[in-house]
């Protein structure tokens, strides 16, 4: 199924060149701050239930640790309801991710300790 993808970045710095299942999912997602998680939406990625790979590069100021490093995370999409329009991916600084599909845009922002894989 092809659906929009919405990335929420919880790193305290930007992430760049995001790919979901090897498909381009956006160029830049700004750092988390209270009241915002650097999210935006990109059309469209092909997904199915099961493992979802998320790859991205770390941004930040010149000289920041790990600047430009490519990170790989895997989330598990447990279900893909037929009326799904959005794949929401929450990306955390502990290099984990949570993915969920829904009809509406998700505003809930679970912490990394709540992730299930």
C-alpha atoms as a PDB file:
ATOM      1  CA  UNK A   1       0.000   0.000   0.000  1.00  0.00           C
ATOM      2  CA  UNK A   2       1.309   3.497  -0.808  1.00  0.00           C
ATOM      3  CA  UNK A   3       0.676   6.038   1.954  1.00  0.00           C
ATOM      4  CA  UNK A   4       2.061   9.358   3.187  1.00  0.00           C
ATOM      5  CA  UNK A   5       4.867   9.178   5.721  1.00  0.00           C
ATOM      6  CA  UNK A   6       5.163  11.550   8.659  1.00  0.00           C
ATOM      7  CA  UNK A   7       8.468  11.604  10.553  1.00  0.00           C
ATOM      8  CA  UNK A   8       8.787  12.847  14.129  1.00  0.00           C
ATOM      9  CA  UNK A   9      12.408  13.535  15.077  1.00  0.00           C
ATOM     10  CA  UNK A  10      13.120  13.384  18.837  1.00  0.00           C
ATOM     11  CA  UNK A  11      16.871  13.948  18.516  1.00  0.00           C
ATOM     12  CA  UNK A  12      18.079  17.257  20.004  1.00  0.00           C
ATOM     13  CA  UNK A  13      19.475  18.019  16.533  1.00  0.00           C
ATOM     14  CA  UNK A  14      18.300  17.788  12.946  1.00  0.00           C
ATOM     15  CA  UNK A  15      18.287  14.607  10.887  1.00  0.00           C
ATOM     16  CA  UNK A  16      18.646  14.541   7.094  1.00  0.00           C
ATOM     17  CA  UNK A  17      18.088  12.366   4.036  1.00  0.00           C
ATOM     18  CA  UNK A  18      15.545  10.078   5.646  1.00  0.00           C
ATOM     19  CA  UNK A  19      14.620   6.826   3.881  1.00  0.00           C
ATOM     20  CA  UNK A  20      11.801   4.460   4.853  1.00  0.00           C
ATOM     21  CA  UNK A  21      12.134   0.971   3.378  1.00  0.00           C
ATOM     22  CA  UNK A  22      14.759   2.405   1.037  1.00  0.00           C
ATOM     23  CA  UNK A  23      12.388   5.076  -0.299  1.00  0.00           C
ATOM     24  CA  UNK A  24      13.106   8.790   0.087  1.00  0.00           C
ATOM     25  CA  UNK A  25      11.038  10.218   2.951  1.00  0.00           C
ATOM     26  CA  UNK A  26      12.326  13.764   3.297  1.00  0.00           C
ATOM     27  CA  UNK A  27      15.426  15.877   3.330  1.00  0.00           C
ATOM     28  CA  UNK A  28      15.406  17.540   6.749  1.00  0.00           C
ATOM     29  CA  UNK A  29      13.594  17.153  10.058  1.00  0.00           C
ATOM     30  CA  UNK A  30      14.519  19.708  12.694  1.00  0.00           C
ATOM     31  CA  UNK A  31      15.461  18.962  16.314  1.00  0.00           C
ATOM     32  CA  UNK A  32      12.919  18.133  18.975  1.00  0.00           C
ATOM     33  CA  UNK A  33      11.798  20.945  21.271  1.00  0.00           C
ATOM     34  CA  UNK A  34       8.934  21.069  23.788  1.00  0.00           C
ATOM     35  CA  UNK A  35       5.724  21.346  21.799  1.00  0.00           C
ATOM     36  CA  UNK A  36       7.269  20.120  18.544  1.00  0.00           C
ATOM     37  CA  UNK A  37       9.141  17.120  17.228  1.00  0.00           C
ATOM     38  CA  UNK A  38      10.443  18.412  13.922  1.00  0.00           C
ATOM     39  CA  UNK A  39       7.771  16.547  11.997  1.00  0.00           C
ATOM     40  CA  UNK A  40       6.585  16.929   8.436  1.00  0.00           C
ATOM     41  CA  UNK A  41       4.886  14.755   5.847  1.00  0.00           C
ATOM     42  CA  UNK A  42       6.098  13.370   2.519  1.00  0.00           C
ATOM     43  CA  UNK A  43       4.131  11.485  -0.131  1.00  0.00           C
ATOM     44  CA  UNK A  44       4.260   8.440  -0.598  1.00  0.00           C
ATOM     45  CA  UNK A  45       6.008   5.266   0.499  1.00  0.00           C
ATOM     46  CA  UNK A  46       5.092   1.654  -0.098  1.00  0.00           C
ATOM     47  CA  UNK A  47       4.599  -0.297   3.140  1.00  0.00           C
ATOM     48  CA  UNK A  48       3.200  -3.559   4.408  1.00  0.00           C
ATOM     49  CA  UNK A  49       2.956  -5.034   7.920  1.00  0.00           C
ATOM     50  CA  UNK A  50       6.230  -6.251   9.363  1.00  0.00           C
ATOM     51  CA  UNK A  51       9.708  -4.729   9.713  1.00  0.00           C
ATOM     52  CA  UNK A  52      10.141  -1.150   8.502  1.00  0.00           C
ATOM     53  CA  UNK A  53      13.689   0.133   7.962  1.00  0.00           C
ATOM     54  CA  UNK A  54      14.473   3.771   8.711  1.00  0.00           C
ATOM     55  CA  UNK A  55      17.785   5.307   7.648  1.00  0.00           C
ATOM     56  CA  UNK A  56      18.902   8.898   8.209  1.00  0.00           C
ATOM     57  CA  UNK A  57      21.976  11.095   8.650  1.00  0.00           C
ATOM     58  CA  UNK A  58      22.724  13.126  11.762  1.00  0.00           C
ATOM     59  CA  UNK A  59      22.852  16.876  11.335  1.00  0.00           C
ATOM     60  CA  UNK A  60      24.072  19.549  13.697  1.00  0.00           C
ATOM     61  CA  UNK A  61      26.613  22.333  13.860  1.00  0.00           C
ATOM     62  CA  UNK A  62      30.067  21.980  12.337  1.00  0.00           C
ATOM     63  CA  UNK A  63      32.200  19.767  14.579  1.00  0.00           C
ATOM     64  CA  UNK A  64      29.213  18.098  16.296  1.00  0.00           C
ATOM     65  CA  UNK A  65      29.877  14.492  17.328  1.00  0.00           C
ATOM     66  CA  UNK A  66      28.828  11.962  14.680  1.00  0.00           C
ATOM     67  CA  UNK A  67      27.933  14.740  12.211  1.00  0.00           C
ATOM     68  CA  UNK A  68      26.807  13.146   8.940  1.00  0.00           C
ATOM     69  CA  UNK A  69      26.827   9.626  10.402  1.00  0.00           C
ATOM     70  CA  UNK A  70      24.221   7.374   8.803  1.00  0.00           C
ATOM     71  CA  UNK A  71      21.915   5.721  11.359  1.00  0.00           C
ATOM     72  CA  UNK A  72      19.798   2.621  10.712  1.00  0.00           C
ATOM     73  CA  UNK A  73      16.767   1.753  12.850  1.00  0.00           C
ATOM     74  CA  UNK A  74      14.084  -0.877  12.451  1.00  0.00           C
ATOM     75  CA  UNK A  75      10.478  -0.585  13.587  1.00  0.00           C
ATOM     76  CA  UNK A  76       7.705  -3.151  13.300  1.00  0.00           C
ATOM     77  CA  UNK A  77       4.440  -2.141  11.673  1.00  0.00           C
ATOM     78  CA  UNK A  78       2.038  -4.448  13.471  1.00  0.00           C
ATOM     79  CA  UNK A  79      -1.023  -3.702  11.342  1.00  0.00           C
ATOM     80  CA  UNK A  80      -1.982  -1.798   8.220  1.00  0.00           C
ATOM     81  CA  UNK A  81      -5.731  -1.090   8.251  1.00  0.00           C
ATOM     82  CA  UNK A  82      -7.280  -0.791   4.791  1.00  0.00           C
ATOM     83  CA  UNK A  83      -8.247   2.846   5.411  1.00  0.00           C
ATOM     84  CA  UNK A  84      -4.697   3.897   6.384  1.00  0.00           C
ATOM     85  CA  UNK A  85      -3.508   7.173   4.876  1.00  0.00           C
ATOM     86  CA  UNK A  86      -0.436   7.959   6.999  1.00  0.00           C
ATOM     87  CA  UNK A  87       2.580   6.035   8.248  1.00  0.00           C
ATOM     88  CA  UNK A  88       3.900   7.861  11.314  1.00  0.00           C
ATOM     89  CA  UNK A  89       7.515   7.125  12.236  1.00  0.00           C
ATOM     90  CA  UNK A  90       8.897   8.329  15.579  1.00  0.00           C
ATOM     91  CA  UNK A  91      12.742   8.495  15.483  1.00  0.00           C
ATOM     92  CA  UNK A  92      14.597   8.548  18.827  1.00  0.00           C
ATOM     93  CA  UNK A  93      18.152   9.483  19.875  1.00  0.00           C
ATOM     94  CA  UNK A  94      18.706   5.974  21.261  1.00  0.00           C
ATOM     95  CA  UNK A  95      18.644   4.919  17.572  1.00  0.00           C
ATOM     96  CA  UNK A  96      15.249   3.204  17.821  1.00  0.00           C
ATOM     97  CA  UNK A  97      12.014   3.965  15.998  1.00  0.00           C
ATOM     98  CA  UNK A  98       8.277   3.309  16.297  1.00  0.00           C
ATOM     99  CA  UNK A  99       6.001   3.023  13.240  1.00  0.00           C
ATOM    100  CA  UNK A 100       2.214   3.119  13.106  1.00  0.00           C
ATOM    101  CA  UNK A 101      -0.309   3.404  10.289  1.00  0.00           C
ATOM    102  CA  UNK A 102      -3.568   5.306  10.675  1.00  0.00           C
ATOM    103  CA  UNK A 103      -6.387   7.026   8.822  1.00  0.00           C
ATOM    104  CA  UNK A 104      -5.621  10.383  10.465  1.00  0.00           C
ATOM    105  CA  UNK A 105      -2.405  12.173  11.336  1.00  0.00           C
ATOM    106  CA  UNK A 106      -1.078  11.099  14.733  1.00  0.00           C
ATOM    107  CA  UNK A 107      -0.151  13.745  17.259  1.00  0.00           C
ATOM    108  CA  UNK A 108       0.672  11.436  20.154  1.00  0.00           C
ATOM    109  CA  UNK A 109       4.396  11.324  20.782  1.00  0.00           C
ATOM    110  CA  UNK A 110       5.384   8.188  22.677  1.00  0.00           C
ATOM    111  CA  UNK A 111       8.759   8.061  24.366  1.00  0.00           C
ATOM    112  CA  UNK A 112      11.394   5.522  23.281  1.00  0.00           C
ATOM    113  CA  UNK A 113      10.835   3.467  26.414  1.00  0.00           C
ATOM    114  CA  UNK A 114       7.283   2.810  25.192  1.00  0.00           C
ATOM    115  CA  UNK A 115       8.359   1.366  21.869  1.00  0.00           C
ATOM    116  CA  UNK A 116       7.531  -2.193  20.985  1.00  0.00           C
ATOM    117  CA  UNK A 117       9.297  -4.170  18.327  1.00  0.00           C
END
